[in-house]
Amino acid sequence: MDKKHLLVIEDNLSSLELYTEVFEEEGYRVTATSNGLDAILSMEGAEYDLIVTDLKMPEVDGASFALYFGKKYPHVPIVVVSAFTQYRDSIHENAPNVRAFLAKPVDLEILKATVRNLLAEK
């Protein structure tokens, strides 16, 4: 069975490394980027099963990325992990493939369960 491929976008490098390690330990293949622009560039020739993204990042923020990605790949779920919970409703309204919004600091068990459940729905 092929490993599910996750794209993780997080500008805090320690968080990016932690998420990458956690998801790889769960058996996923992970592509990690530190901003939305690099994430968009990584899409060339890649197929992702799920995206985990921060909101506030340099270059292209997570909300803009979710809108862009959602138009091209509406079937791929996005999980937003952000301290900016005041944007929860607007991101859900404007980017329908954002399927979960988790507040930072995120509980890693909840993050893993959310990813696992969303992938099981596909």
PDB file of N, CA and C in Angstrom:
ATOM      1  N   MET A   1       0.840  -1.189   0.000  1.00  0.00           N
ATOM      2  CA  MET A   1       0.000   0.000   0.000  1.00  0.00           C
ATOM      3  C   MET A   1       0.881   1.247   0.000  1.00  0.00           C
ATOM      4  N   ASP A   2       0.534   2.220  -0.834  1.00  0.00           N
ATOM      5  CA  ASP A   2       1.294   3.463  -0.899  1.00  0.00           C
ATOM      6  C   ASP A   2       1.065   4.294   0.356  1.00  0.00           C
ATOM      7  N   LYS A   3       2.128   4.950   0.780  1.00  0.00           N
ATOM      8  CA  LYS A   3       2.005   5.864   1.912  1.00  0.00           C
ATOM      9  C   LYS A   3       1.222   7.095   1.467  1.00  0.00           C
ATOM     10  N   LYS A   4       0.370   7.585   2.347  1.00  0.00           N
ATOM     11  CA  LYS A   4      -0.333   8.842   2.086  1.00  0.00           C
ATOM     12  C   LYS A   4       0.686   9.964   2.123  1.00  0.00           C
ATOM     13  N   HIS A   5       0.518  10.934   1.219  1.00  0.00           N
ATOM     14  CA  HIS A   5       1.471  12.029   1.081  1.00  0.00           C
ATOM     15  C   HIS A   5       0.869  13.301   1.674  1.00  0.00           C
ATOM     16  N   LEU A   6       1.531  13.845   2.684  1.00  0.00           N
ATOM     17  CA  LEU A   6       1.085  15.076   3.335  1.00  0.00           C
ATOM     18  C   LEU A   6       2.002  16.229   2.953  1.00  0.00           C
ATOM     19  N   LEU A   7       1.422  17.396   2.778  1.00  0.00           N
ATOM     20  CA  LEU A   7       2.166  18.640   2.634  1.00  0.00           C
ATOM     21  C   LEU A   7       1.977  19.411   3.930  1.00  0.00           C
ATOM     22  N   VAL A   8       3.079  19.749   4.588  1.00  0.00           N
ATOM     23  CA  VAL A   8       3.028  20.495   5.843  1.00  0.00           C
ATOM     24  C   VAL A   8       3.675  21.856   5.602  1.00  0.00           C
ATOM     25  N   ILE A   9       2.925  22.920   5.921  1.00  0.00           N
ATOM     26  CA  ILE A   9       3.391  24.293   5.698  1.00  0.00           C
ATOM     27  C   ILE A   9       3.376  25.015   7.043  1.00  0.00           C
ATOM     28  N   GLU A  10       4.555  25.410   7.504  1.00  0.00           N
ATOM     29  CA  GLU A  10       4.683  26.058   8.825  1.00  0.00           C
ATOM     30  C   GLU A  10       5.953  26.889   8.831  1.00  0.00           C
ATOM     31  N   ASP A  11       5.836  28.182   9.163  1.00  0.00           N
ATOM     32  CA  ASP A  11       7.012  29.052   9.136  1.00  0.00           C
ATOM     33  C   ASP A  11       7.873  28.950  10.391  1.00  0.00           C
ATOM     34  N   ASN A  12       7.336  28.401  11.469  1.00  0.00           N
ATOM     35  CA  ASN A  12       8.140  28.176  12.663  1.00  0.00           C
ATOM     36  C   ASN A  12       8.887  26.857  12.460  1.00  0.00           C
ATOM     37  N   LEU A  13      10.205  26.948  12.302  1.00  0.00           N
ATOM     38  CA  LEU A  13      10.979  25.768  11.903  1.00  0.00           C
ATOM     39  C   LEU A  13      10.941  24.647  12.928  1.00  0.00           C
ATOM     40  N   SER A  14      10.901  24.974  14.221  1.00  0.00           N
ATOM     41  CA  SER A  14      10.834  23.902  15.219  1.00  0.00           C
ATOM     42  C   SER A  14       9.486  23.178  15.126  1.00  0.00           C
ATOM     43  N   SER A  15       8.412  23.920  14.887  1.00  0.00           N
ATOM     44  CA  SER A  15       7.099  23.286  14.708  1.00  0.00           C
ATOM     45  C   SER A  15       7.075  22.462  13.425  1.00  0.00           C
ATOM     46  N   LEU A  16       7.661  22.992  12.366  1.00  0.00           N
ATOM     47  CA  LEU A  16       7.720  22.277  11.094  1.00  0.00           C
ATOM     48  C   LEU A  16       8.455  20.942  11.263  1.00  0.00           C
ATOM     49  N   GLU A  17       9.579  20.976  11.957  1.00  0.00           N
ATOM     50  CA  GLU A  17      10.340  19.743  12.201  1.00  0.00           C
ATOM     51  C   GLU A  17       9.543  18.768  13.070  1.00  0.00           C
ATOM     52  N   LEU A  18       8.869  19.285  14.080  1.00  0.00           N
ATOM     53  CA  LEU A  18       8.074  18.432  14.963  1.00  0.00           C
ATOM     54  C   LEU A  18       6.943  17.764  14.191  1.00  0.00           C
ATOM     55  N   TYR A  19       6.169  18.543  13.431  1.00  0.00           N
ATOM     56  CA  TYR A  19       5.059  17.972  12.657  1.00  0.00           C
ATOM     57  C   TYR A  19       5.572  16.935  11.667  1.00  0.00           C
ATOM     58  N   THR A  20       6.683  17.246  11.005  1.00  0.00           N
ATOM     59  CA  THR A  20       7.251  16.311  10.040  1.00  0.00           C
ATOM     60  C   THR A  20       7.610  14.997  10.719  1.00  0.00           C
ATOM     61  N   GLU A  21       8.288  15.086  11.843  1.00  0.00           N
ATOM     62  CA  GLU A  21       8.688  13.887  12.579  1.00  0.00           C
ATOM     63  C   GLU A  21       7.474  13.085  13.036  1.00  0.00           C
ATOM     64  N   VAL A  22       6.483  13.762  13.579  1.00  0.00           N
ATOM     65  CA  VAL A  22       5.277  13.090  14.078  1.00  0.00           C
ATOM     66  C   VAL A  22       4.562  12.360  12.938  1.00  0.00           C
ATOM     67  N   PHE A  23       4.398  13.023  11.810  1.00  0.00           N
ATOM     68  CA  PHE A  23       3.683  12.397  10.693  1.00  0.00           C
ATOM     69  C   PHE A  23       4.489  11.269  10.055  1.00  0.00           C
ATOM     70  N   GLU A  24       5.794  11.423   9.981  1.00  0.00           N
ATOM     71  CA  GLU A  24       6.615  10.328   9.451  1.00  0.00           C
ATOM     72  C   GLU A  24       6.549   9.114  10.369  1.00  0.00           C
ATOM     73  N   GLU A  25       6.532   9.344  11.678  1.00  0.00           N
ATOM     74  CA  GLU A  25       6.384   8.238  12.628  1.00  0.00           C
ATOM     75  C   GLU A  25       5.029   7.546  12.480  1.00  0.00           C
ATOM     76  N   GLU A  26       4.026   8.296  12.024  1.00  0.00           N
ATOM     77  CA  GLU A  26       2.696   7.726  11.779  1.00  0.00           C
ATOM     78  C   GLU A  26       2.642   6.955  10.454  1.00  0.00           C
ATOM     79  N   GLY A  27       3.727   7.007   9.689  1.00  0.00           N
ATOM     80  CA  GLY A  27       3.792   6.250   8.446  1.00  0.00           C
ATOM     81  C   GLY A  27       3.459   7.030   7.193  1.00  0.00           C
ATOM     82  N   TYR A  28       3.358   8.356   7.297  1.00  0.00           N
ATOM     83  CA  TYR A  28       3.059   9.185   6.137  1.00  0.00           C
ATOM     84  C   TYR A  28       4.335   9.636   5.443  1.00  0.00           C
ATOM     85  N   ARG A  29       4.228   9.903   4.158  1.00  0.00           N
ATOM     86  CA  ARG A  29       5.298  10.572   3.422  1.00  0.00           C
ATOM     87  C   ARG A  29       5.011  12.065   3.563  1.00  0.00           C
ATOM     88  N   VAL A  30       6.022  12.855   3.908  1.00  0.00           N
ATOM     89  CA  VAL A  30       5.813  14.271   4.226  1.00  0.00           C
ATOM     90  C   VAL A  30       6.704  15.151   3.355  1.00  0.00           C
ATOM     91  N   THR A  31       6.085  16.169   2.754  1.00  0.00           N
ATOM     92  CA  THR A  31       6.823  17.261   2.129  1.00  0.00           C
ATOM     93  C   THR A  31       6.612  18.464   3.041  1.00  0.00           C
ATOM     94  N   ALA A  32       7.699  19.079   3.487  1.00  0.00           N
ATOM     95  CA  ALA A  32       7.626  20.182   4.444  1.00  0.00           C
ATOM     96  C   ALA A  32       8.127  21.468   3.793  1.00  0.00           C
ATOM     97  N   THR A  33       7.359  22.549   3.950  1.00  0.00           N
ATOM     98  CA  THR A  33       7.765  23.857   3.445  1.00  0.00           C
ATOM     99  C   THR A  33       7.485  24.903   4.512  1.00  0.00           C
ATOM    100  N   SER A  34       8.209  26.026   4.423  1.00  0.00           N
ATOM    101  CA  SER A  34       8.078  27.048   5.466  1.00  0.00           C
ATOM    102  C   SER A  34       7.223  28.244   5.059  1.00  0.00           C
ATOM    103  N   ASN A  35       6.635  28.207   3.869  1.00  0.00           N
ATOM    104  CA  ASN A  35       5.717  29.284   3.477  1.00  0.00           C
ATOM    105  C   ASN A  35       4.839  28.823   2.322  1.00  0.00           C
ATOM    106  N   GLY A  36       3.785  29.571   2.083  1.00  0.00           N
ATOM    107  CA  GLY A  36       2.820  29.203   1.054  1.00  0.00           C
ATOM    108  C   GLY A  36       3.373  29.240  -0.353  1.00  0.00           C
ATOM    109  N   LEU A  37       4.312  30.155  -0.634  1.00  0.00           N
ATOM    110  CA  LEU A  37       4.890  30.223  -1.973  1.00  0.00           C
ATOM    111  C   LEU A  37       5.669  28.946  -2.283  1.00  0.00           C
ATOM    112  N   ASP A  38       6.505  28.500  -1.352  1.00  0.00           N
ATOM    113  CA  ASP A  38       7.227  27.246  -1.551  1.00  0.00           C
ATOM    114  C   ASP A  38       6.261  26.073  -1.685  1.00  0.00           C
ATOM    115  N   ALA A  39       5.160  26.134  -0.958  1.00  0.00           N
ATOM    116  CA  ALA A  39       4.157  25.072  -1.053  1.00  0.00           C
ATOM    117  C   ALA A  39       3.546  25.032  -2.455  1.00  0.00           C
ATOM    118  N   ILE A  40       3.220  26.203  -2.992  1.00  0.00           N
ATOM    119  CA  ILE A  40       2.669  26.264  -4.350  1.00  0.00           C
ATOM    120  C   ILE A  40       3.677  25.709  -5.348  1.00  0.00           C
ATOM    121  N   LEU A  41       4.936  26.086  -5.196  1.00  0.00           N
ATOM    122  CA  LEU A  41       5.978  25.589  -6.099  1.00  0.00           C
ATOM    123  C   LEU A  41       6.157  24.078  -5.953  1.00  0.00           C
ATOM    124  N   SER A  42       5.948  23.542  -4.764  1.00  0.00           N
ATOM    125  CA  SER A  42       6.115  22.101  -4.542  1.00  0.00           C
ATOM    126  C   SER A  42       5.013  21.291  -5.208  1.00  0.00           C
ATOM    127  N   MET A  43       3.929  21.944  -5.597  1.00  0.00           N
ATOM    128  CA  MET A  43       2.799  21.244  -6.188  1.00  0.00           C
ATOM    129  C   MET A  43       3.104  20.759  -7.603  1.00  0.00           C
ATOM    130  N   GLU A  44       4.124  21.306  -8.232  1.00  0.00           N
ATOM    131  CA  GLU A  44       4.485  20.906  -9.589  1.00  0.00           C
ATOM    132  C   GLU A  44       4.835  19.427  -9.622  1.00  0.00           C
ATOM    133  N   GLY A  45       3.974  18.633 -10.201  1.00  0.00           N
ATOM    134  CA  GLY A  45       4.229  17.204 -10.337  1.00  0.00           C
ATOM    135  C   GLY A  45       3.984  16.385  -9.087  1.00  0.00           C
ATOM    136  N   ALA A  46       3.530  17.000  -8.016  1.00  0.00           N
ATOM    137  CA  ALA A  46       3.278  16.273  -6.766  1.00  0.00           C
ATOM    138  C   ALA A  46       1.784  16.069  -6.579  1.00  0.00           C
ATOM    139  N   GLU A  47       1.443  14.997  -5.906  1.00  0.00           N
ATOM    140  CA  GLU A  47       0.053  14.753  -5.531  1.00  0.00           C
ATOM    141  C   GLU A  47       0.001  14.583  -4.017  1.00  0.00           C
ATOM    142  N   TYR A  48      -0.823  15.394  -3.393  1.00  0.00           N
ATOM    143  CA  TYR A  48      -0.951  15.347  -1.939  1.00  0.00           C
ATOM    144  C   TYR A  48      -2.311  14.780  -1.565  1.00  0.00           C
ATOM    145  N   ASP A  49      -2.325  14.028  -0.477  1.00  0.00           N
ATOM    146  CA  ASP A  49      -3.565  13.472   0.032  1.00  0.00           C
ATOM    147  C   ASP A  49      -4.212  14.384   1.066  1.00  0.00           C
ATOM    148  N   LEU A  50      -3.393  15.235   1.709  1.00  0.00           N
ATOM    149  CA  LEU A  50      -3.885  16.133   2.752  1.00  0.00           C
ATOM    150  C   LEU A  50      -2.837  17.207   2.999  1.00  0.00           C
ATOM    151  N   ILE A  51      -3.310  18.398   3.364  1.00  0.00           N
ATOM    152  CA  ILE A  51      -2.438  19.532   3.656  1.00  0.00           C
ATOM    153  C   ILE A  51      -2.642  19.948   5.112  1.00  0.00           C
ATOM    154  N   VAL A  52      -1.538  20.224   5.804  1.00  0.00           N
ATOM    155  CA  VAL A  52      -1.576  20.841   7.133  1.00  0.00           C
ATOM    156  C   VAL A  52      -0.855  22.166   6.997  1.00  0.00           C
ATOM    157  N   THR A  53      -1.535  23.270   7.333  1.00  0.00           N
ATOM    158  CA  THR A  53      -0.921  24.585   7.152  1.00  0.00           C
ATOM    159  C   THR A  53      -1.178  25.521   8.321  1.00  0.00           C
ATOM    160  N   ASP A  54      -0.217  26.385   8.535  1.00  0.00           N
ATOM    161  CA  ASP A  54      -0.361  27.523   9.434  1.00  0.00           C
ATOM    162  C   ASP A  54      -1.118  28.601   8.657  1.00  0.00           C
ATOM    163  N   LEU A  55      -1.563  29.647   9.308  1.00  0.00           N
ATOM    164  CA  LEU A  55      -2.210  30.763   8.618  1.00  0.00           C
ATOM    165  C   LEU A  55      -1.247  31.905   8.345  1.00  0.00           C
ATOM    166  N   LYS A  56      -0.632  32.419   9.390  1.00  0.00           N
ATOM    167  CA  LYS A  56       0.219  33.599   9.265  1.00  0.00           C
ATOM    168  C   LYS A  56       1.648  33.182   8.925  1.00  0.00           C
ATOM    169  N   MET A  57       2.034  33.452   7.668  1.00  0.00           N
ATOM    170  CA  MET A  57       3.374  33.077   7.190  1.00  0.00           C
ATOM    171  C   MET A  57       3.847  34.127   6.185  1.00  0.00           C
ATOM    172  N   PRO A  58       5.154  34.196   5.952  1.00  0.00           N
ATOM    173  CA  PRO A  58       5.666  35.118   4.931  1.00  0.00           C
ATOM    174  C   PRO A  58       5.364  34.596   3.525  1.00  0.00           C
ATOM    175  N   GLU A  59       5.575  35.453   2.550  1.00  0.00           N
ATOM    176  CA  GLU A  59       5.380  35.137   1.125  1.00  0.00           C
ATOM    177  C   GLU A  59       3.897  35.003   0.803  1.00  0.00           C
ATOM    178  N   VAL A  60       3.348  33.805   0.972  1.00  0.00           N
ATOM    179  CA  VAL A  60       1.924  33.550   0.756  1.00  0.00           C
ATOM    180  C   VAL A  60       1.388  32.944   2.042  1.00  0.00           C
ATOM    181  N   ASP A  61       0.380  33.590   2.645  1.00  0.00           N
ATOM    182  CA  ASP A  61      -0.131  33.076   3.919  1.00  0.00           C
ATOM    183  C   ASP A  61      -1.019  31.845   3.707  1.00  0.00           C
ATOM    184  N   GLY A  62      -1.354  31.194   4.795  1.00  0.00           N
ATOM    185  CA  GLY A  62      -2.125  29.965   4.730  1.00  0.00           C
ATOM    186  C   GLY A  62      -3.518  30.141   4.162  1.00  0.00           C
ATOM    187  N   ALA A  63      -4.166  31.268   4.434  1.00  0.00           N
ATOM    188  CA  ALA A  63      -5.508  31.506   3.896  1.00  0.00           C
ATOM    189  C   ALA A  63      -5.452  31.648   2.373  1.00  0.00           C
ATOM    190  N   SER A  64      -4.491  32.409   1.877  1.00  0.00           N
ATOM    191  CA  SER A  64      -4.342  32.564   0.425  1.00  0.00           C
ATOM    192  C   SER A  64      -3.987  31.236  -0.225  1.00  0.00           C
ATOM    193  N   PHE A  65      -3.120  30.479   0.427  1.00  0.00           N
ATOM    194  CA  PHE A  65      -2.769  29.161  -0.101  1.00  0.00           C
ATOM    195  C   PHE A  65      -4.003  28.269  -0.160  1.00  0.00           C
ATOM    196  N   ALA A  66      -4.808  28.258   0.908  1.00  0.00           N
ATOM    197  CA  ALA A  66      -6.004  27.408   0.944  1.00  0.00           C
ATOM    198  C   ALA A  66      -6.973  27.775  -0.169  1.00  0.00           C
ATOM    199  N   LEU A  67      -7.135  29.063  -0.434  1.00  0.00           N
ATOM    200  CA  LEU A  67      -8.014  29.498  -1.524  1.00  0.00           C
ATOM    201  C   LEU A  67      -7.478  29.038  -2.873  1.00  0.00           C
ATOM    202  N   TYR A  68      -6.192  29.241  -3.102  1.00  0.00           N
ATOM    203  CA  TYR A  68      -5.554  28.850  -4.359  1.00  0.00           C
ATOM    204  C   TYR A  68      -5.612  27.332  -4.543  1.00  0.00           C
ATOM    205  N   PHE A  69      -5.182  26.610  -3.530  1.00  0.00           N
ATOM    206  CA  PHE A  69      -5.123  25.159  -3.611  1.00  0.00           C
ATOM    207  C   PHE A  69      -6.526  24.575  -3.758  1.00  0.00           C
ATOM    208  N   GLY A  70      -7.473  25.141  -3.019  1.00  0.00           N
ATOM    209  CA  GLY A  70      -8.843  24.635  -3.051  1.00  0.00           C
ATOM    210  C   GLY A  70      -9.498  24.747  -4.414  1.00  0.00           C
ATOM    211  N   LYS A  71      -9.145  25.775  -5.164  1.00  0.00           N
ATOM    212  CA  LYS A  71      -9.696  25.921  -6.513  1.00  0.00           C
ATOM    213  C   LYS A  71      -9.117  24.877  -7.456  1.00  0.00           C
ATOM    214  N   LYS A  72      -7.852  24.551  -7.292  1.00  0.00           N
ATOM    215  CA  LYS A  72      -7.193  23.578  -8.171  1.00  0.00           C
ATOM    216  C   LYS A  72      -7.471  22.138  -7.751  1.00  0.00           C
ATOM    217  N   TYR A  73      -7.558  21.909  -6.447  1.00  0.00           N
ATOM    218  CA  TYR A  73      -7.697  20.547  -5.912  1.00  0.00           C
ATOM    219  C   TYR A  73      -8.766  20.517  -4.813  1.00  0.00           C
ATOM    220  N   PRO A  74     -10.013  20.692  -5.174  1.00  0.00           N
ATOM    221  CA  PRO A  74     -11.059  20.793  -4.146  1.00  0.00           C
ATOM    222  C   PRO A  74     -11.288  19.510  -3.361  1.00  0.00           C
ATOM    223  N   HIS A  75     -10.778  18.392  -3.828  1.00  0.00           N
ATOM    224  CA  HIS A  75     -10.980  17.108  -3.157  1.00  0.00           C
ATOM    225  C   HIS A  75      -9.941  16.829  -2.071  1.00  0.00           C
ATOM    226  N   VAL A  76      -8.902  17.665  -1.978  1.00  0.00           N
ATOM    227  CA  VAL A  76      -7.839  17.433  -0.998  1.00  0.00           C
ATOM    228  C   VAL A  76      -8.144  18.230   0.271  1.00  0.00           C
ATOM    229  N   PRO A  77      -8.327  17.543   1.399  1.00  0.00           N
ATOM    230  CA  PRO A  77      -8.644  18.269   2.637  1.00  0.00           C
ATOM    231  C   PRO A  77      -7.448  19.042   3.178  1.00  0.00           C
ATOM    232  N   ILE A  78      -7.772  20.152   3.822  1.00  0.00           N
ATOM    233  CA  ILE A  78      -6.766  21.012   4.452  1.00  0.00           C
ATOM    234  C   ILE A  78      -7.090  21.119   5.937  1.00  0.00           C
ATOM    235  N   VAL A  79      -6.051  20.995   6.747  1.00  0.00           N
ATOM    236  CA  VAL A  79      -6.150  21.200   8.195  1.00  0.00           C
ATOM    237  C   VAL A  79      -5.347  22.459   8.511  1.00  0.00           C
ATOM    238  N   VAL A  80      -5.989  23.445   9.094  1.00  0.00           N
ATOM    239  CA  VAL A  80      -5.313  24.676   9.511  1.00  0.00           C
ATOM    240  C   VAL A  80      -4.961  24.550  10.988  1.00  0.00           C
ATOM    241  N   VAL A  81      -3.703  24.876  11.297  1.00  0.00           N
ATOM    242  CA  VAL A  81      -3.232  24.907  12.687  1.00  0.00           C
ATOM    243  C   VAL A  81      -2.710  26.322  12.929  1.00  0.00           C
ATOM    244  N   SER A  82      -3.413  27.088  13.769  1.00  0.00           N
ATOM    245  CA  SER A  82      -3.060  28.495  13.930  1.00  0.00           C
ATOM    246  C   SER A  82      -3.479  29.030  15.292  1.00  0.00           C
ATOM    247  N   ALA A  83      -2.728  30.011  15.760  1.00  0.00           N
ATOM    248  CA  ALA A  83      -3.096  30.716  16.982  1.00  0.00           C
ATOM    249  C   ALA A  83      -4.167  31.775  16.707  1.00  0.00           C
ATOM    250  N   PHE A  84      -4.403  32.081  15.432  1.00  0.00           N
ATOM    251  CA  PHE A  84      -5.333  33.136  15.046  1.00  0.00           C
ATOM    252  C   PHE A  84      -6.733  32.556  14.855  1.00  0.00           C
ATOM    253  N   THR A  85      -7.326  32.130  15.959  1.00  0.00           N
ATOM    254  CA  THR A  85      -8.616  31.448  15.898  1.00  0.00           C
ATOM    255  C   THR A  85      -9.768  32.365  15.477  1.00  0.00           C
ATOM    256  N   GLN A  86      -9.553  33.666  15.507  1.00  0.00           N
ATOM    257  CA  GLN A  86     -10.611  34.574  15.081  1.00  0.00           C
ATOM    258  C   GLN A  86     -10.909  34.439  13.587  1.00  0.00           C
ATOM    259  N   TYR A  87     -10.033  33.775  12.852  1.00  0.00           N
ATOM    260  CA  TYR A  87     -10.237  33.575  11.413  1.00  0.00           C
ATOM    261  C   TYR A  87     -10.919  32.246  11.086  1.00  0.00           C
ATOM    262  N   ARG A  88     -11.238  31.475  12.100  1.00  0.00           N
ATOM    263  CA  ARG A  88     -11.810  30.140  11.895  1.00  0.00           C
ATOM    264  C   ARG A  88     -13.036  30.169  10.978  1.00  0.00           C
ATOM    265  N   ASP A  89     -14.014  31.001  11.271  1.00  0.00           N
ATOM    266  CA  ASP A  89     -15.248  31.022  10.474  1.00  0.00           C
ATOM    267  C   ASP A  89     -15.009  31.505   9.053  1.00  0.00           C
ATOM    268  N   SER A  90     -14.232  32.571   8.892  1.00  0.00           N
ATOM    269  CA  SER A  90     -14.026  33.109   7.549  1.00  0.00           C
ATOM    270  C   SER A  90     -13.237  32.150   6.661  1.00  0.00           C
ATOM    271  N   ILE A  91     -12.290  31.427   7.223  1.00  0.00           N
ATOM    272  CA  ILE A  91     -11.520  30.481   6.408  1.00  0.00           C
ATOM    273  C   ILE A  91     -12.413  29.317   5.978  1.00  0.00           C
ATOM    274  N   HIS A  92     -13.305  28.865   6.853  1.00  0.00           N
ATOM    275  CA  HIS A  92     -14.228  27.794   6.482  1.00  0.00           C
ATOM    276  C   HIS A  92     -15.199  28.248   5.396  1.00  0.00           C
ATOM    277  N   GLU A  93     -15.650  29.497   5.467  1.00  0.00           N
ATOM    278  CA  GLU A  93     -16.592  30.020   4.474  1.00  0.00           C
ATOM    279  C   GLU A  93     -15.944  30.186   3.106  1.00  0.00           C
ATOM    280  N   ASN A  94     -14.694  30.632   3.085  1.00  0.00           N
ATOM    281  CA  ASN A  94     -14.033  30.974   1.823  1.00  0.00           C
ATOM    282  C   ASN A  94     -13.202  29.855   1.213  1.00  0.00           C
ATOM    283  N   ALA A  95     -12.858  28.872   1.978  1.00  0.00           N
ATOM    284  CA  ALA A  95     -12.043  27.756   1.478  1.00  0.00           C
ATOM    285  C   ALA A  95     -12.702  26.455   1.940  1.00  0.00           C
ATOM    286  N   PRO A  96     -13.652  25.956   1.149  1.00  0.00           N
ATOM    287  CA  PRO A  96     -14.447  24.812   1.591  1.00  0.00           C
ATOM    288  C   PRO A  96     -13.666  23.533   1.862  1.00  0.00           C
ATOM    289  N   ASN A  97     -12.479  23.385   1.277  1.00  0.00           N
ATOM    290  CA  ASN A  97     -11.751  22.155   1.574  1.00  0.00           C
ATOM    291  C   ASN A  97     -10.931  22.259   2.866  1.00  0.00           C
ATOM    292  N   VAL A  98     -11.022  23.395   3.579  1.00  0.00           N
ATOM    293  CA  VAL A  98     -10.486  23.445   4.943  1.00  0.00           C
ATOM    294  C   VAL A  98     -11.479  22.678   5.803  1.00  0.00           C
ATOM    295  N   ARG A  99     -11.070  21.489   6.203  1.00  0.00           N
ATOM    296  CA  ARG A  99     -11.970  20.579   6.897  1.00  0.00           C
ATOM    297  C   ARG A  99     -11.807  20.611   8.406  1.00  0.00           C
ATOM    298  N   ALA A 100     -10.699  21.214   8.885  1.00  0.00           N
ATOM    299  CA  ALA A 100     -10.488  21.308  10.330  1.00  0.00           C
ATOM    300  C   ALA A 100      -9.626  22.526  10.619  1.00  0.00           C
ATOM    301  N   PHE A 101      -9.882  23.149  11.759  1.00  0.00           N
ATOM    302  CA  PHE A 101      -9.110  24.293  12.233  1.00  0.00           C
ATOM    303  C   PHE A 101      -8.751  23.991  13.676  1.00  0.00           C
ATOM    304  N   LEU A 102      -7.467  23.793  13.933  1.00  0.00           N
ATOM    305  CA  LEU A 102      -6.997  23.472  15.281  1.00  0.00           C
ATOM    306  C   LEU A 102      -6.192  24.643  15.831  1.00  0.00           C
ATOM    307  N   ALA A 103      -6.451  24.980  17.093  1.00  0.00           N
ATOM    308  CA  ALA A 103      -5.779  26.115  17.726  1.00  0.00           C
ATOM    309  C   ALA A 103      -4.399  25.720  18.225  1.00  0.00           C
ATOM    310  N   LYS A 104      -3.448  26.653  18.071  1.00  0.00           N
ATOM    311  CA  LYS A 104      -2.112  26.486  18.654  1.00  0.00           C
ATOM    312  C   LYS A 104      -2.158  26.969  20.094  1.00  0.00           C
ATOM    313  N   PRO A 105      -1.404  26.375  20.977  1.00  0.00           N
ATOM    314  CA  PRO A 105      -0.556  25.208  20.741  1.00  0.00           C
ATOM    315  C   PRO A 105      -1.431  23.978  20.542  1.00  0.00           C
ATOM    316  N   VAL A 106      -1.127  23.235  19.490  1.00  0.00           N
ATOM    317  CA  VAL A 106      -1.962  22.101  19.115  1.00  0.00           C
ATOM    318  C   VAL A 106      -1.585  20.864  19.917  1.00  0.00           C
ATOM    319  N   ASP A 107      -2.590  20.116  20.313  1.00  0.00           N
ATOM    320  CA  ASP A 107      -2.389  18.815  20.942  1.00  0.00           C
ATOM    321  C   ASP A 107      -2.046  17.840  19.813  1.00  0.00           C
ATOM    322  N   LEU A 108      -0.852  17.266  19.852  1.00  0.00           N
ATOM    323  CA  LEU A 108      -0.402  16.409  18.755  1.00  0.00           C
ATOM    324  C   LEU A 108      -1.274  15.174  18.574  1.00  0.00           C
ATOM    325  N   GLU A 109      -1.849  14.673  19.646  1.00  0.00           N
ATOM    326  CA  GLU A 109      -2.746  13.512  19.519  1.00  0.00           C
ATOM    327  C   GLU A 109      -4.013  13.899  18.755  1.00  0.00           C
ATOM    328  N   ILE A 110      -4.521  15.087  19.019  1.00  0.00           N
ATOM    329  CA  ILE A 110      -5.706  15.559  18.289  1.00  0.00           C
ATOM    330  C   ILE A 110      -5.352  15.815  16.826  1.00  0.00           C
ATOM    331  N   LEU A 111      -4.191  16.391  16.571  1.00  0.00           N
ATOM    332  CA  LEU A 111      -3.749  16.626  15.194  1.00  0.00           C
ATOM    333  C   LEU A 111      -3.629  15.297  14.442  1.00  0.00           C
ATOM    334  N   LYS A 112      -2.978  14.318  15.049  1.00  0.00           N
ATOM    335  CA  LYS A 112      -2.821  13.010  14.398  1.00  0.00           C
ATOM    336  C   LYS A 112      -4.180  12.366  14.134  1.00  0.00           C
ATOM    337  N   ALA A 113      -5.082  12.430  15.102  1.00  0.00           N
ATOM    338  CA  ALA A 113      -6.417  11.837  14.935  1.00  0.00           C
ATOM    339  C   ALA A 113      -7.206  12.559  13.847  1.00  0.00           C
ATOM    340  N   THR A 114      -7.083  13.877  13.794  1.00  0.00           N
ATOM    341  CA  THR A 114      -7.781  14.651  12.762  1.00  0.00           C
ATOM    342  C   THR A 114      -7.301  14.252  11.372  1.00  0.00           C
ATOM    343  N   VAL A 115      -5.995  14.168  11.195  1.00  0.00           N
ATOM    344  CA  VAL A 115      -5.422  13.771   9.908  1.00  0.00           C
ATOM    345  C   VAL A 115      -5.869  12.357   9.546  1.00  0.00           C
ATOM    346  N   ARG A 116      -5.761  11.446  10.492  1.00  0.00           N
ATOM    347  CA  ARG A 116      -6.147  10.048  10.264  1.00  0.00           C
ATOM    348  C   ARG A 116      -7.619   9.948   9.850  1.00  0.00           C
ATOM    349  N   ASN A 117      -8.504  10.677  10.552  1.00  0.00           N
ATOM    350  CA  ASN A 117      -9.935  10.634  10.251  1.00  0.00           C
ATOM    351  C   ASN A 117     -10.257  11.230   8.882  1.00  0.00           C
ATOM    352  N   LEU A 118      -9.627  12.342   8.554  1.00  0.00           N
ATOM    353  CA  LEU A 118      -9.875  12.956   7.242  1.00  0.00           C
ATOM    354  C   LEU A 118      -9.389  12.072   6.105  1.00  0.00           C
ATOM    355  N   LEU A 119      -8.268  11.422   6.296  1.00  0.00           N
ATOM    356  CA  LEU A 119      -7.758  10.515   5.258  1.00  0.00           C
ATOM    357  C   LEU A 119      -8.645   9.283   5.130  1.00  0.00           C
ATOM    358  N   ALA A 120      -9.228   8.842   6.203  1.00  0.00           N
ATOM    359  CA  ALA A 120     -10.122   7.684   6.158  1.00  0.00           C
ATOM    360  C   ALA A 120     -11.409   7.998   5.396  1.00  0.00           C
ATOM    361  N   GLU A 121     -11.822   9.275   5.383  1.00  0.00           N
ATOM    362  CA  GLU A 121     -13.031   9.694   4.674  1.00  0.00           C
ATOM    363  C   GLU A 121     -12.841   9.716   3.161  1.00  0.00           C
ATOM    364  N   LYS A 122     -11.583   9.832   2.721  1.00  0.00           N
ATOM    365  CA  LYS A 122     -11.316   9.956   1.281  1.00  0.00           C
ATOM    366  C   LYS A 122     -11.586   8.657   0.544  1.00  0.00           C
TER     367      LYS A 122
END
